[in-house]
């Protein structure tokens, strides 16, 4: 669901932290409080700048339930113990087994960390996010940039139905 643009890919950033800790690492980002309802939200314990130990995770909490505004993003480096945690995770809301519930279970059994990755993220699970990612990537290509910018300008120059 996510495209993350940065000179060092987000998964590479997570691998670097994994090499230091040997523990499961989740990519996280801060979001406005009203957006926490769309994501898995961690209860963080600061370890160092950008790195947090995960105390618990709640999948799609209400604003009142959210332990922070640090939300998970679709990038993870996991230990094999996640498979055991998944097997022991009961179905939650809607009868589904949620990965965040398994991460929460794992965080109670061994250290799990969250890293605030660097980069620009596009939520492609949302129509506007997918459109923004397409435009950003196309505008970054020398062969497409002039046509994309011309088209964008044309939309502001006339009424669009």
Protein backbone atom coordinates (compact mmCIF):
# COMPACT_ATOMS: atom_id res chain seq x y z
CA UNK A 1 0.00 0.00 0.00
CA UNK A 2 2.96 2.34 0.44
CA UNK A 3 5.62 3.89 -1.73
CA UNK A 4 8.48 5.47 0.20
CA UNK A 5 11.02 7.59 -1.66
CA UNK A 6 14.47 8.26 -0.21
CA UNK A 7 18.11 7.83 -1.25
CA UNK A 8 18.32 4.94 1.24
CA UNK A 9 15.23 2.76 0.82
CA UNK A 10 13.13 2.38 3.96
CA UNK A 11 13.75 -1.37 4.05
CA UNK A 12 17.51 -0.66 3.93
CA UNK A 13 17.13 1.66 6.90
CA UNK A 14 15.30 -1.08 8.80
CA UNK A 15 17.95 -3.66 7.89
CA UNK A 16 20.61 -1.37 9.31
CA UNK A 17 18.74 -1.22 12.64
CA UNK A 18 18.13 -4.99 12.53
CA UNK A 19 21.86 -5.59 12.15
CA UNK A 20 22.44 -3.64 15.38
CA UNK A 21 19.58 -5.10 17.42
CA UNK A 22 18.86 -8.56 15.99
CA UNK A 23 15.21 -7.87 16.74
CA UNK A 24 12.03 -7.37 14.75
CA UNK A 25 11.86 -3.81 13.39
CA UNK A 26 8.72 -1.99 12.23
CA UNK A 27 8.75 1.16 10.11
CA UNK A 28 6.71 3.94 11.72
CA UNK A 29 5.76 7.51 11.02
CA UNK A 30 4.02 10.26 12.96
CA UNK A 31 0.55 11.16 11.69
CA UNK A 32 -1.99 13.76 12.78
CA UNK A 33 -4.06 12.39 15.70
CA UNK A 34 -7.24 12.09 13.61
CA UNK A 35 -5.47 9.66 11.23
CA UNK A 36 -4.48 7.05 13.83
CA UNK A 37 -7.78 5.24 13.22
CA UNK A 38 -6.42 4.03 9.85
CA UNK A 39 -3.24 2.32 11.07
CA UNK A 40 -1.54 0.12 13.62
CA UNK A 41 -0.40 2.45 16.41
CA UNK A 42 2.50 1.72 18.76
CA UNK A 43 3.05 2.57 22.38
CA UNK A 44 6.69 3.67 22.15
CA UNK A 45 9.55 3.72 24.61
CA UNK A 46 12.30 5.98 23.28
CA UNK A 47 15.68 4.25 22.83
CA UNK A 48 17.53 6.77 20.70
CA UNK A 49 16.54 9.37 18.11
CA UNK A 50 14.10 7.74 15.64
CA UNK A 51 14.26 4.35 17.43
CA UNK A 52 11.64 3.11 19.91
CA UNK A 53 11.00 -0.10 21.77
CA UNK A 54 7.45 -1.20 21.11
CA UNK A 55 5.50 -1.73 24.32
CA UNK A 56 2.26 -2.59 22.52
CA UNK A 57 0.46 -2.13 19.19
CA UNK A 58 -3.21 -1.51 18.58
CA UNK A 59 -4.62 -2.03 15.08
CA UNK A 60 -6.93 0.78 13.94
CA UNK A 61 -7.71 2.16 17.40
CA UNK A 62 -10.16 4.91 18.13
CA UNK A 63 -8.53 8.29 18.69
CA UNK A 64 -9.06 7.81 22.43
CA UNK A 65 -7.49 4.31 22.44
CA UNK A 66 -4.37 5.30 20.48
CA UNK A 67 -1.26 5.18 22.70
CA UNK A 68 0.61 7.64 20.43
CA UNK A 69 0.57 9.05 16.92
CA UNK A 70 3.36 6.73 15.72
CA UNK A 71 1.79 4.45 13.15
CA UNK A 72 3.11 1.41 11.36
CA UNK A 73 3.91 1.50 7.67
CA UNK A 74 4.15 -1.54 5.40
CA UNK A 75 7.86 -2.18 5.95
CA UNK A 76 9.08 -4.76 8.47
CA UNK A 77 12.14 -6.89 9.19
CA UNK A 78 11.10 -9.80 11.38
CA UNK A 79 12.59 -12.64 13.36
CA UNK A 80 11.33 -16.21 12.85
CA UNK A 81 9.41 -15.98 16.14
CA UNK A 82 6.79 -13.91 14.32
CA UNK A 83 5.49 -17.13 12.78
CA UNK A 84 4.89 -18.58 16.25
CA UNK A 85 3.19 -15.35 17.30
CA UNK A 86 0.94 -15.51 14.23
CA UNK A 87 -0.05 -19.11 15.00
CA UNK A 88 -1.03 -18.12 18.52
CA UNK A 89 -2.93 -14.98 17.53
CA UNK A 90 -6.70 -15.33 17.69
CA UNK A 91 -8.95 -13.78 15.07
CA UNK A 92 -9.86 -10.23 15.92
CA UNK A 93 -12.48 -7.86 14.59
CA UNK A 94 -14.18 -9.11 11.43
CA UNK A 95 -12.85 -12.60 12.13
CA UNK A 96 -9.43 -11.81 10.67
CA UNK A 97 -5.97 -12.48 12.10
CA UNK A 98 -4.22 -9.14 11.96
CA UNK A 99 -0.47 -8.88 11.60
CA UNK A 100 -0.40 -6.02 14.11
CA UNK A 101 -1.99 -8.31 16.72
CA UNK A 102 0.82 -10.81 16.11
CA UNK A 103 3.44 -8.04 16.44
CA UNK A 104 1.78 -6.98 19.71
CA UNK A 105 1.93 -10.57 20.95
CA UNK A 106 5.60 -10.80 19.90
CA UNK A 107 6.43 -7.52 21.68
CA UNK A 108 5.34 -9.15 24.94
CA UNK A 109 7.70 -12.09 24.33
CA UNK A 110 10.85 -10.44 22.95
CA UNK A 111 12.10 -6.96 22.07
CA UNK A 112 10.37 -5.40 19.07
CA UNK A 113 11.53 -2.03 17.82
CA UNK A 114 10.04 0.71 15.68
CA UNK A 115 12.11 3.00 13.50
CA UNK A 116 10.93 6.38 12.19
CA UNK A 117 12.22 5.96 8.65
CA UNK A 118 13.43 8.85 6.53
CA UNK A 119 11.66 9.52 3.25
CA UNK A 120 8.54 10.70 1.54
CA UNK A 121 5.64 8.24 1.89
CA UNK A 122 2.63 7.87 -0.35
CA UNK A 123 -0.35 5.87 0.94
CA UNK A 124 -1.37 4.08 -2.25
CA UNK A 125 -4.24 2.38 -0.43
CA UNK A 126 -6.00 5.74 -0.78
CA UNK A 127 -6.90 7.09 -4.25
CA UNK A 128 -5.28 10.48 -3.64
CA UNK A 129 -2.09 8.85 -2.35
CA UNK A 130 -1.83 6.64 -5.43
CA UNK A 131 -2.37 9.66 -7.68
CA UNK A 132 0.24 11.73 -5.84
CA UNK A 133 2.78 8.88 -6.05
CA UNK A 134 2.17 8.50 -9.79
CA UNK A 135 2.56 12.23 -10.40
CA UNK A 136 5.66 12.51 -8.18
CA UNK A 137 7.37 9.57 -9.88
CA UNK A 138 6.39 10.72 -13.39
CA UNK A 139 7.53 14.28 -12.66
CA UNK A 140 10.90 12.86 -11.60
CA UNK A 141 11.48 11.24 -14.99
CA UNK A 142 13.10 13.52 -17.58
CA UNK A 143 11.14 11.89 -20.40
CA UNK A 144 7.77 12.47 -18.68
CA UNK A 145 8.29 15.61 -16.59
CA UNK A 146 7.45 18.23 -19.27
CA UNK A 147 4.22 16.49 -20.29
CA UNK A 148 3.12 15.91 -16.67
CA UNK A 149 3.74 19.53 -15.71
CA UNK A 150 2.00 20.80 -18.85
CA UNK A 151 -1.00 18.63 -18.10
CA UNK A 152 -1.13 19.78 -14.45
CA UNK A 153 -0.99 23.42 -15.57
CA UNK A 154 -3.80 22.79 -18.05
CA UNK A 155 -6.04 21.57 -15.24
CA UNK A 156 -5.70 24.85 -13.35
CA UNK A 157 -6.19 26.91 -16.52
CA UNK A 158 -9.65 25.56 -17.29
CA UNK A 159 -12.68 24.28 -15.54
CA UNK A 160 -12.59 20.56 -14.98
CA UNK A 161 -15.95 18.71 -14.99
